[in-house]
Amino acid sequence: MDASSKFQDSLPVSSDAVLAMLAERGVRYRLHEHVPLRTVEDAKSVEDAFIQDGERALRLKNLYLRDKKKRNYLISLEQDRDIDLKSLGAELGLGNLSFGSSDRLLQNLGVRPGAVTPLAMINGRGADVTFFMDKALHEADVVYMHPLVNDRTVAISCAEFLDFMEWLKVEITWI
């Protein structure tokens, strides 16, 4: 199965359900539907269609990683940051990091490869996943992310995103 909304009903929490949850909490968002995006390069090919003039936007790349002790991490960074896993692990005091398998990704974050997103912490908070977020969020007005599938992107104000994460009781470690 792919990571598009066509298969969202096979996820622990569907994309439609997370969008309904955002709406119920009063989180305003703009929803953009597009071709499935698997990489930052894919995202860059469509993002000009929905980024608004003048907004300070944070566009993310999201990494599901594990350490040698089998602890799970979701790391969300500005999409153009260069990442060296060895340096990142050392900087965060986590040791050697590697990408988690697609099976573990689905088990721990409830998404498939290509749809990794901070909103997956809806599932990750109960699976003992540690969440790291780029400090660049503090400089942005809006953050763009997938709502658990890779053929949709939501734009959420950074303040409302942080309020939603607090409501979920997701602890954010800033990097």
N, C-alpha and C. Protein backbone atom coordinates (compact mmCIF):
# COMPACT_ATOMS: atom_id res chain seq x y z
N MET A 1 0.84 -1.20 0.00
CA MET A 1 0.00 0.00 0.00
C MET A 1 0.87 1.25 0.00
N ASP A 2 0.38 2.27 -0.64
CA ASP A 2 1.14 3.52 -0.65
C ASP A 2 0.66 4.42 0.49
N ALA A 3 1.22 5.60 0.55
CA ALA A 3 0.96 6.53 1.66
C ALA A 3 -0.09 7.57 1.31
N SER A 4 -0.87 7.35 0.26
CA SER A 4 -1.86 8.34 -0.16
C SER A 4 -3.17 8.17 0.61
N SER A 5 -4.04 9.15 0.45
CA SER A 5 -5.33 9.13 1.15
C SER A 5 -6.21 7.98 0.67
N LYS A 6 -5.89 7.40 -0.47
CA LYS A 6 -6.66 6.27 -0.98
C LYS A 6 -6.64 5.11 0.03
N PHE A 7 -5.57 5.01 0.81
CA PHE A 7 -5.42 3.92 1.78
C PHE A 7 -5.49 4.40 3.23
N GLN A 8 -6.04 5.61 3.45
CA GLN A 8 -6.05 6.17 4.80
C GLN A 8 -6.85 5.34 5.80
N ASP A 9 -7.84 4.59 5.32
CA ASP A 9 -8.66 3.80 6.25
C ASP A 9 -7.90 2.60 6.82
N SER A 10 -6.72 2.31 6.29
CA SER A 10 -5.90 1.23 6.83
C SER A 10 -4.94 1.73 7.91
N LEU A 11 -4.96 3.03 8.19
CA LEU A 11 -4.10 3.62 9.22
C LEU A 11 -4.80 3.59 10.57
N PRO A 12 -4.05 3.61 11.67
CA PRO A 12 -4.68 3.66 12.99
C PRO A 12 -5.57 4.89 13.17
N VAL A 13 -5.14 6.03 12.65
CA VAL A 13 -5.94 7.26 12.61
C VAL A 13 -5.90 7.74 11.17
N SER A 14 -7.06 7.92 10.56
CA SER A 14 -7.10 8.34 9.16
C SER A 14 -6.78 9.82 9.03
N SER A 15 -6.43 10.22 7.82
CA SER A 15 -6.20 11.63 7.54
C SER A 15 -7.48 12.43 7.78
N ASP A 16 -8.61 11.89 7.33
CA ASP A 16 -9.88 12.58 7.56
C ASP A 16 -10.13 12.78 9.05
N ALA A 17 -9.78 11.76 9.86
CA ALA A 17 -9.99 11.86 11.30
C ALA A 17 -9.11 12.94 11.92
N VAL A 18 -7.85 13.03 11.48
CA VAL A 18 -6.98 14.06 12.05
C VAL A 18 -7.44 15.45 11.62
N LEU A 19 -7.93 15.58 10.39
CA LEU A 19 -8.46 16.88 9.95
C LEU A 19 -9.70 17.25 10.77
N ALA A 20 -10.55 16.27 11.06
CA ALA A 20 -11.73 16.52 11.90
C ALA A 20 -11.31 16.92 13.31
N MET A 21 -10.26 16.27 13.82
CA MET A 21 -9.76 16.60 15.16
C MET A 21 -9.23 18.03 15.20
N LEU A 22 -8.49 18.42 14.16
CA LEU A 22 -8.02 19.81 14.09
C LEU A 22 -9.19 20.78 14.09
N ALA A 23 -10.19 20.49 13.28
CA ALA A 23 -11.37 21.36 13.19
C ALA A 23 -12.12 21.42 14.53
N GLU A 24 -12.29 20.28 15.18
CA GLU A 24 -12.97 20.25 16.48
C GLU A 24 -12.24 21.07 17.52
N ARG A 25 -10.92 21.12 17.44
CA ARG A 25 -10.11 21.90 18.38
C ARG A 25 -10.05 23.37 17.98
N GLY A 26 -10.67 23.73 16.85
CA GLY A 26 -10.68 25.12 16.41
C GLY A 26 -9.40 25.53 15.69
N VAL A 27 -8.60 24.54 15.28
CA VAL A 27 -7.37 24.83 14.54
C VAL A 27 -7.74 25.13 13.09
N ARG A 28 -7.42 26.33 12.66
CA ARG A 28 -7.67 26.70 11.27
C ARG A 28 -6.53 26.19 10.42
N TYR A 29 -6.86 25.62 9.30
CA TYR A 29 -5.83 25.13 8.40
C TYR A 29 -6.30 25.29 6.97
N ARG A 30 -5.32 25.34 6.07
CA ARG A 30 -5.61 25.30 4.64
C ARG A 30 -5.19 23.93 4.15
N LEU A 31 -6.09 23.25 3.47
CA LEU A 31 -5.81 21.92 2.95
C LEU A 31 -5.50 22.01 1.47
N HIS A 32 -4.42 21.37 1.07
CA HIS A 32 -4.02 21.30 -0.34
C HIS A 32 -3.92 19.84 -0.72
N GLU A 33 -4.60 19.48 -1.80
CA GLU A 33 -4.51 18.12 -2.32
C GLU A 33 -3.64 18.15 -3.56
N HIS A 34 -2.82 17.12 -3.72
CA HIS A 34 -1.83 17.11 -4.80
C HIS A 34 -1.41 15.67 -5.07
N VAL A 35 -0.52 15.50 -6.02
CA VAL A 35 0.03 14.18 -6.31
C VAL A 35 0.78 13.69 -5.07
N PRO A 36 0.90 12.38 -4.88
CA PRO A 36 1.68 11.88 -3.75
C PRO A 36 3.13 12.40 -3.80
N LEU A 37 3.61 12.86 -2.65
CA LEU A 37 4.96 13.40 -2.53
C LEU A 37 5.78 12.45 -1.66
N ARG A 38 6.92 12.04 -2.16
CA ARG A 38 7.75 11.10 -1.41
C ARG A 38 9.04 11.73 -0.90
N THR A 39 9.46 12.83 -1.51
CA THR A 39 10.74 13.43 -1.16
C THR A 39 10.59 14.95 -1.07
N VAL A 40 11.61 15.59 -0.55
CA VAL A 40 11.64 17.05 -0.51
C VAL A 40 11.59 17.60 -1.94
N GLU A 41 12.29 16.94 -2.86
CA GLU A 41 12.27 17.40 -4.25
C GLU A 41 10.85 17.34 -4.82
N ASP A 42 10.13 16.26 -4.50
CA ASP A 42 8.72 16.16 -4.93
C ASP A 42 7.92 17.33 -4.36
N ALA A 43 8.12 17.61 -3.07
CA ALA A 43 7.37 18.69 -2.42
C ALA A 43 7.67 20.03 -3.07
N LYS A 44 8.93 20.27 -3.39
CA LYS A 44 9.29 21.55 -4.01
C LYS A 44 8.63 21.72 -5.37
N SER A 45 8.30 20.63 -6.02
CA SER A 45 7.67 20.73 -7.34
C SER A 45 6.23 21.22 -7.27
N VAL A 46 5.59 21.14 -6.09
CA VAL A 46 4.19 21.57 -5.98
C VAL A 46 3.97 22.72 -5.00
N GLU A 47 4.93 22.99 -4.12
CA GLU A 47 4.65 23.93 -3.04
C GLU A 47 4.42 25.36 -3.50
N ASP A 48 4.95 25.76 -4.64
CA ASP A 48 4.68 27.12 -5.12
C ASP A 48 3.20 27.35 -5.37
N ALA A 49 2.47 26.27 -5.61
CA ALA A 49 1.03 26.40 -5.88
C ALA A 49 0.24 26.78 -4.63
N PHE A 50 0.79 26.54 -3.45
CA PHE A 50 0.00 26.86 -2.27
C PHE A 50 0.66 27.76 -1.23
N ILE A 51 1.92 28.07 -1.35
CA ILE A 51 2.53 29.01 -0.41
C ILE A 51 2.08 30.41 -0.80
N GLN A 52 1.61 31.15 0.19
CA GLN A 52 1.06 32.48 -0.07
C GLN A 52 2.16 33.53 0.00
N ASP A 53 2.02 34.55 -0.84
CA ASP A 53 2.98 35.64 -0.87
C ASP A 53 3.10 36.29 0.50
N GLY A 54 4.32 36.53 0.91
CA GLY A 54 4.56 37.27 2.14
C GLY A 54 4.53 36.44 3.41
N GLU A 55 4.09 35.19 3.35
CA GLU A 55 4.05 34.42 4.59
C GLU A 55 5.43 33.82 4.86
N ARG A 56 5.79 33.82 6.12
CA ARG A 56 7.03 33.15 6.53
C ARG A 56 6.66 31.70 6.80
N ALA A 57 7.01 30.85 5.86
CA ALA A 57 6.58 29.46 5.92
C ALA A 57 7.73 28.54 6.30
N LEU A 58 7.41 27.56 7.13
CA LEU A 58 8.35 26.48 7.43
C LEU A 58 7.84 25.24 6.72
N ARG A 59 8.67 24.74 5.82
CA ARG A 59 8.36 23.50 5.11
C ARG A 59 9.30 22.44 5.66
N LEU A 60 8.76 21.28 5.97
CA LEU A 60 9.49 20.29 6.76
C LEU A 60 9.98 19.10 5.96
N LYS A 61 11.06 18.53 6.47
CA LYS A 61 11.44 17.16 6.14
C LYS A 61 11.39 16.44 7.48
N ASN A 62 10.89 15.22 7.46
CA ASN A 62 10.64 14.49 8.69
C ASN A 62 11.34 13.14 8.64
N LEU A 63 12.04 12.84 9.71
CA LEU A 63 12.83 11.61 9.77
C LEU A 63 12.35 10.74 10.93
N TYR A 64 12.04 9.48 10.63
CA TYR A 64 11.74 8.51 11.67
C TYR A 64 13.01 7.70 11.89
N LEU A 65 13.60 7.84 13.08
CA LEU A 65 14.90 7.25 13.37
C LEU A 65 14.85 6.40 14.63
N ARG A 66 15.82 5.48 14.72
CA ARG A 66 15.97 4.63 15.90
C ARG A 66 17.44 4.63 16.31
N ASP A 67 17.67 4.39 17.59
CA ASP A 67 19.05 4.24 18.05
C ASP A 67 19.33 2.78 18.36
N LYS A 68 20.55 2.50 18.81
CA LYS A 68 20.94 1.10 19.06
C LYS A 68 20.15 0.48 20.20
N LYS A 69 19.58 1.31 21.07
CA LYS A 69 18.77 0.81 22.19
C LYS A 69 17.31 0.64 21.77
N LYS A 70 17.05 0.78 20.47
CA LYS A 70 15.72 0.61 19.88
C LYS A 70 14.71 1.66 20.33
N ARG A 71 15.22 2.84 20.72
CA ARG A 71 14.33 3.96 21.04
C ARG A 71 13.98 4.65 19.73
N ASN A 72 12.78 5.21 19.66
CA ASN A 72 12.24 5.79 18.43
C ASN A 72 12.19 7.31 18.53
N TYR A 73 12.49 7.95 17.38
CA TYR A 73 12.52 9.40 17.33
C TYR A 73 11.85 9.89 16.06
N LEU A 74 11.12 10.97 16.19
CA LEU A 74 10.62 11.72 15.03
C LEU A 74 11.33 13.06 15.06
N ILE A 75 12.04 13.35 13.98
CA ILE A 75 12.79 14.61 13.90
C ILE A 75 12.27 15.39 12.70
N SER A 76 11.72 16.58 12.99
CA SER A 76 11.15 17.44 11.95
C SER A 76 12.02 18.68 11.81
N LEU A 77 12.57 18.85 10.60
CA LEU A 77 13.51 19.93 10.33
C LEU A 77 13.11 20.70 9.08
N GLU A 78 13.60 21.92 8.99
CA GLU A 78 13.39 22.72 7.78
C GLU A 78 13.89 21.90 6.60
N GLN A 79 13.11 21.86 5.54
CA GLN A 79 13.35 20.91 4.45
C GLN A 79 14.70 21.05 3.75
N ASP A 80 15.33 22.21 3.80
CA ASP A 80 16.60 22.37 3.10
C ASP A 80 17.82 22.12 3.97
N ARG A 81 17.63 21.74 5.22
CA ARG A 81 18.78 21.45 6.08
C ARG A 81 19.48 20.19 5.60
N ASP A 82 20.79 20.25 5.56
CA ASP A 82 21.58 19.05 5.28
C ASP A 82 21.66 18.23 6.55
N ILE A 83 21.44 16.94 6.43
CA ILE A 83 21.42 16.06 7.60
C ILE A 83 22.49 14.99 7.45
N ASP A 84 23.31 14.88 8.46
CA ASP A 84 24.27 13.79 8.59
C ASP A 84 23.84 13.04 9.86
N LEU A 85 23.36 11.81 9.71
CA LEU A 85 22.81 11.08 10.85
C LEU A 85 23.82 10.89 11.97
N LYS A 86 25.08 10.66 11.62
CA LYS A 86 26.10 10.46 12.65
C LYS A 86 26.28 11.73 13.47
N SER A 87 26.39 12.87 12.78
CA SER A 87 26.54 14.16 13.47
C SER A 87 25.29 14.50 14.27
N LEU A 88 24.13 14.24 13.69
CA LEU A 88 22.87 14.54 14.37
C LEU A 88 22.75 13.73 15.66
N GLY A 89 23.05 12.43 15.57
CA GLY A 89 23.01 11.58 16.76
C GLY A 89 23.94 12.07 17.84
N ALA A 90 25.14 12.48 17.45
CA ALA A 90 26.12 12.99 18.42
C ALA A 90 25.64 14.30 19.02
N GLU A 91 25.12 15.20 18.17
CA GLU A 91 24.65 16.51 18.65
C GLU A 91 23.52 16.35 19.66
N LEU A 92 22.63 15.39 19.43
CA LEU A 92 21.49 15.19 20.31
C LEU A 92 21.79 14.26 21.48
N GLY A 93 23.01 13.70 21.51
CA GLY A 93 23.37 12.79 22.58
C GLY A 93 22.68 11.45 22.49
N LEU A 94 22.36 11.03 21.27
CA LEU A 94 21.62 9.79 21.07
C LEU A 94 22.46 8.65 20.53
N GLY A 95 23.71 8.93 20.19
CA GLY A 95 24.55 7.90 19.61
C GLY A 95 24.22 7.69 18.15
N ASN A 96 24.50 6.49 17.67
CA ASN A 96 24.26 6.19 16.26
C ASN A 96 22.77 6.06 15.97
N LEU A 97 22.33 6.76 14.94
CA LEU A 97 20.92 6.72 14.53
C LEU A 97 20.82 6.06 13.17
N SER A 98 19.71 5.40 12.95
CA SER A 98 19.41 4.83 11.63
C SER A 98 17.92 4.98 11.38
N PHE A 99 17.55 4.87 10.12
CA PHE A 99 16.13 4.96 9.77
C PHE A 99 15.39 3.73 10.27
N GLY A 100 14.20 3.97 10.81
CA GLY A 100 13.36 2.86 11.24
C GLY A 100 12.71 2.21 10.02
N SER A 101 12.36 0.96 10.16
CA SER A 101 11.72 0.22 9.06
C SER A 101 10.31 0.74 8.81
N SER A 102 9.78 0.43 7.65
CA SER A 102 8.41 0.85 7.33
C SER A 102 7.41 0.17 8.26
N ASP A 103 7.68 -1.06 8.68
CA ASP A 103 6.78 -1.74 9.62
C ASP A 103 6.77 -1.02 10.97
N ARG A 104 7.94 -0.65 11.46
CA ARG A 104 8.02 0.07 12.74
C ARG A 104 7.42 1.47 12.62
N LEU A 105 7.61 2.09 11.47
CA LEU A 105 7.01 3.40 11.23
C LEU A 105 5.50 3.32 11.37
N LEU A 106 4.90 2.33 10.74
CA LEU A 106 3.44 2.16 10.84
C LEU A 106 3.03 1.82 12.26
N GLN A 107 3.79 0.97 12.91
CA GLN A 107 3.48 0.55 14.28
C GLN A 107 3.59 1.71 15.27
N ASN A 108 4.64 2.52 15.16
CA ASN A 108 4.92 3.56 16.16
C ASN A 108 4.34 4.93 15.84
N LEU A 109 4.23 5.26 14.56
CA LEU A 109 3.71 6.58 14.19
C LEU A 109 2.41 6.50 13.39
N GLY A 110 2.04 5.31 12.95
CA GLY A 110 0.76 5.15 12.27
C GLY A 110 0.72 5.73 10.87
N VAL A 111 1.89 5.84 10.22
CA VAL A 111 1.96 6.34 8.85
C VAL A 111 2.89 5.45 8.04
N ARG A 112 2.84 5.65 6.74
CA ARG A 112 3.71 4.92 5.83
C ARG A 112 4.83 5.84 5.32
N PRO A 113 5.90 5.24 4.79
CA PRO A 113 6.98 6.06 4.24
C PRO A 113 6.44 7.07 3.22
N GLY A 114 6.92 8.29 3.33
CA GLY A 114 6.47 9.37 2.45
C GLY A 114 5.44 10.26 3.11
N ALA A 115 4.88 9.81 4.24
CA ALA A 115 3.84 10.59 4.92
C ALA A 115 4.23 10.93 6.35
N VAL A 116 5.52 10.83 6.68
CA VAL A 116 5.97 11.14 8.03
C VAL A 116 5.74 12.62 8.29
N THR A 117 5.22 12.93 9.48
CA THR A 117 4.75 14.27 9.80
C THR A 117 4.68 14.46 11.31
N PRO A 118 4.83 15.69 11.79
CA PRO A 118 4.62 15.91 13.22
C PRO A 118 3.24 15.47 13.70
N LEU A 119 2.24 15.54 12.83
CA LEU A 119 0.90 15.12 13.23
C LEU A 119 0.83 13.63 13.54
N ALA A 120 1.83 12.86 13.12
CA ALA A 120 1.87 11.43 13.46
C ALA A 120 2.12 11.22 14.95
N MET A 121 2.48 12.27 15.67
CA MET A 121 2.64 12.14 17.12
C MET A 121 1.29 11.86 17.79
N ILE A 122 0.20 11.99 17.06
CA ILE A 122 -1.09 11.52 17.57
C ILE A 122 -0.96 10.06 17.97
N ASN A 123 -0.22 9.29 17.18
CA ASN A 123 0.05 7.90 17.49
C ASN A 123 1.34 7.73 18.28
N GLY A 124 2.36 8.52 17.95
CA GLY A 124 3.67 8.38 18.55
C GLY A 124 3.71 8.64 20.04
N ARG A 125 2.84 9.50 20.53
CA ARG A 125 2.86 9.82 21.96
C ARG A 125 2.58 8.58 22.80
N GLY A 126 1.76 7.65 22.29
CA GLY A 126 1.47 6.42 23.03
C GLY A 126 2.47 5.31 22.76
N ALA A 127 3.38 5.54 21.83
CA ALA A 127 4.37 4.52 21.45
C ALA A 127 5.76 4.90 21.93
N ASP A 128 5.85 5.87 22.83
CA ASP A 128 7.13 6.29 23.40
C ASP A 128 8.10 6.81 22.34
N VAL A 129 7.58 7.57 21.38
CA VAL A 129 8.41 8.21 20.37
C VAL A 129 8.79 9.60 20.90
N THR A 130 10.07 9.93 20.83
CA THR A 130 10.55 11.24 21.24
C THR A 130 10.52 12.16 20.02
N PHE A 131 9.96 13.36 20.20
CA PHE A 131 9.77 14.30 19.10
C PHE A 131 10.74 15.47 19.22
N PHE A 132 11.51 15.69 18.15
CA PHE A 132 12.41 16.83 18.03
C PHE A 132 11.90 17.73 16.92
N MET A 133 11.89 19.04 17.18
CA MET A 133 11.37 20.00 16.20
C MET A 133 12.39 21.11 16.00
N ASP A 134 12.54 21.51 14.77
CA ASP A 134 13.45 22.59 14.38
C ASP A 134 13.02 23.90 15.03
N LYS A 135 13.98 24.58 15.65
CA LYS A 135 13.71 25.90 16.25
C LYS A 135 13.25 26.92 15.22
N ALA A 136 13.48 26.63 13.94
CA ALA A 136 13.04 27.55 12.88
C ALA A 136 11.53 27.77 12.93
N LEU A 137 10.80 26.89 13.59
CA LEU A 137 9.35 27.08 13.73
C LEU A 137 9.05 28.42 14.40
N HIS A 138 9.91 28.83 15.33
CA HIS A 138 9.69 30.08 16.06
C HIS A 138 9.82 31.31 15.17
N GLU A 139 10.46 31.18 14.03
CA GLU A 139 10.65 32.30 13.11
C GLU A 139 9.59 32.33 12.00
N ALA A 140 8.74 31.31 11.96
CA ALA A 140 7.75 31.18 10.88
C ALA A 140 6.37 31.60 11.36
N ASP A 141 5.52 31.91 10.39
CA ASP A 141 4.11 32.19 10.67
C ASP A 141 3.27 30.93 10.49
N VAL A 142 3.66 30.13 9.48
CA VAL A 142 2.87 28.97 9.06
C VAL A 142 3.80 27.78 8.89
N VAL A 143 3.32 26.61 9.26
CA VAL A 143 4.08 25.38 9.04
C VAL A 143 3.26 24.48 8.11
N TYR A 144 3.94 23.90 7.14
CA TYR A 144 3.31 23.00 6.17
C TYR A 144 3.69 21.57 6.50
N MET A 145 2.69 20.68 6.52
CA MET A 145 2.96 19.27 6.82
C MET A 145 1.85 18.40 6.26
N HIS A 146 2.15 17.13 6.14
CA HIS A 146 1.15 16.16 5.69
C HIS A 146 0.21 15.81 6.84
N PRO A 147 -1.07 15.63 6.56
CA PRO A 147 -2.01 15.15 7.58
C PRO A 147 -2.11 13.61 7.53
N LEU A 148 -0.97 12.94 7.76
CA LEU A 148 -0.84 11.48 7.83
C LEU A 148 -0.84 10.77 6.49
N VAL A 149 -1.03 11.49 5.40
CA VAL A 149 -0.96 10.93 4.04
C VAL A 149 -0.13 11.87 3.18
N ASN A 150 0.41 11.35 2.08
CA ASN A 150 1.34 12.17 1.31
C ASN A 150 0.75 12.81 0.05
N ASP A 151 -0.57 12.77 -0.10
CA ASP A 151 -1.19 13.48 -1.21
C ASP A 151 -2.03 14.66 -0.72
N ARG A 152 -1.78 15.04 0.52
CA ARG A 152 -2.41 16.22 1.12
C ARG A 152 -1.35 16.94 1.93
N THR A 153 -1.47 18.26 1.96
CA THR A 153 -0.62 19.09 2.81
C THR A 153 -1.53 20.09 3.51
N VAL A 154 -1.28 20.30 4.79
CA VAL A 154 -2.01 21.34 5.52
C VAL A 154 -1.04 22.45 5.88
N ALA A 155 -1.56 23.67 5.85
CA ALA A 155 -0.84 24.85 6.33
C ALA A 155 -1.54 25.26 7.62
N ILE A 156 -0.78 25.31 8.70
CA ILE A 156 -1.32 25.64 10.02
C ILE A 156 -0.46 26.74 10.61
N SER A 157 -1.09 27.71 11.26
CA SER A 157 -0.28 28.73 11.93
C SER A 157 0.58 28.02 12.98
N CYS A 158 1.78 28.52 13.16
CA CYS A 158 2.70 27.88 14.11
C CYS A 158 2.12 27.88 15.52
N ALA A 159 1.48 28.97 15.90
CA ALA A 159 0.89 29.06 17.24
C ALA A 159 -0.20 27.99 17.42
N GLU A 160 -1.05 27.83 16.42
CA GLU A 160 -2.12 26.84 16.54
C GLU A 160 -1.56 25.41 16.50
N PHE A 161 -0.50 25.19 15.73
CA PHE A 161 0.15 23.88 15.73
C PHE A 161 0.69 23.56 17.12
N LEU A 162 1.36 24.53 17.74
CA LEU A 162 1.91 24.30 19.08
C LEU A 162 0.81 24.06 20.10
N ASP A 163 -0.29 24.80 20.00
CA ASP A 163 -1.43 24.57 20.89
C ASP A 163 -1.99 23.16 20.72
N PHE A 164 -2.07 22.70 19.48
CA PHE A 164 -2.59 21.36 19.21
C PHE A 164 -1.65 20.30 19.79
N MET A 165 -0.35 20.49 19.63
CA MET A 165 0.60 19.53 20.18
C MET A 165 0.52 19.51 21.71
N GLU A 166 0.34 20.67 22.30
CA GLU A 166 0.18 20.74 23.75
C GLU A 166 -1.08 20.00 24.18
N TRP A 167 -2.18 20.19 23.43
CA TRP A 167 -3.42 19.49 23.74
C TRP A 167 -3.23 17.98 23.64
N LEU A 168 -2.43 17.53 22.68
CA LEU A 168 -2.13 16.10 22.55
C LEU A 168 -1.19 15.60 23.64
N LYS A 169 -0.62 16.55 24.41
CA LYS A 169 0.37 16.23 25.43
C LYS A 169 1.66 15.67 24.82
N VAL A 170 2.04 16.25 23.68
CA VAL A 170 3.27 15.89 23.02
C VAL A 170 4.36 16.83 23.48
N GLU A 171 5.41 16.28 24.05
CA GLU A 171 6.55 17.08 24.48
C GLU A 171 7.45 17.32 23.27
N ILE A 172 7.83 18.57 23.06
CA ILE A 172 8.69 18.92 21.95
C ILE A 172 10.07 19.26 22.49
N THR A 173 11.09 18.62 21.92
CA THR A 173 12.47 18.98 22.21
C THR A 173 12.95 19.80 21.02
N TRP A 174 13.39 21.02 21.27
CA TRP A 174 13.77 21.94 20.21
C TRP A 174 15.22 21.75 19.83
N ILE A 175 15.47 21.69 18.51
CA ILE A 175 16.85 21.56 18.03
C ILE A 175 17.10 22.59 16.94
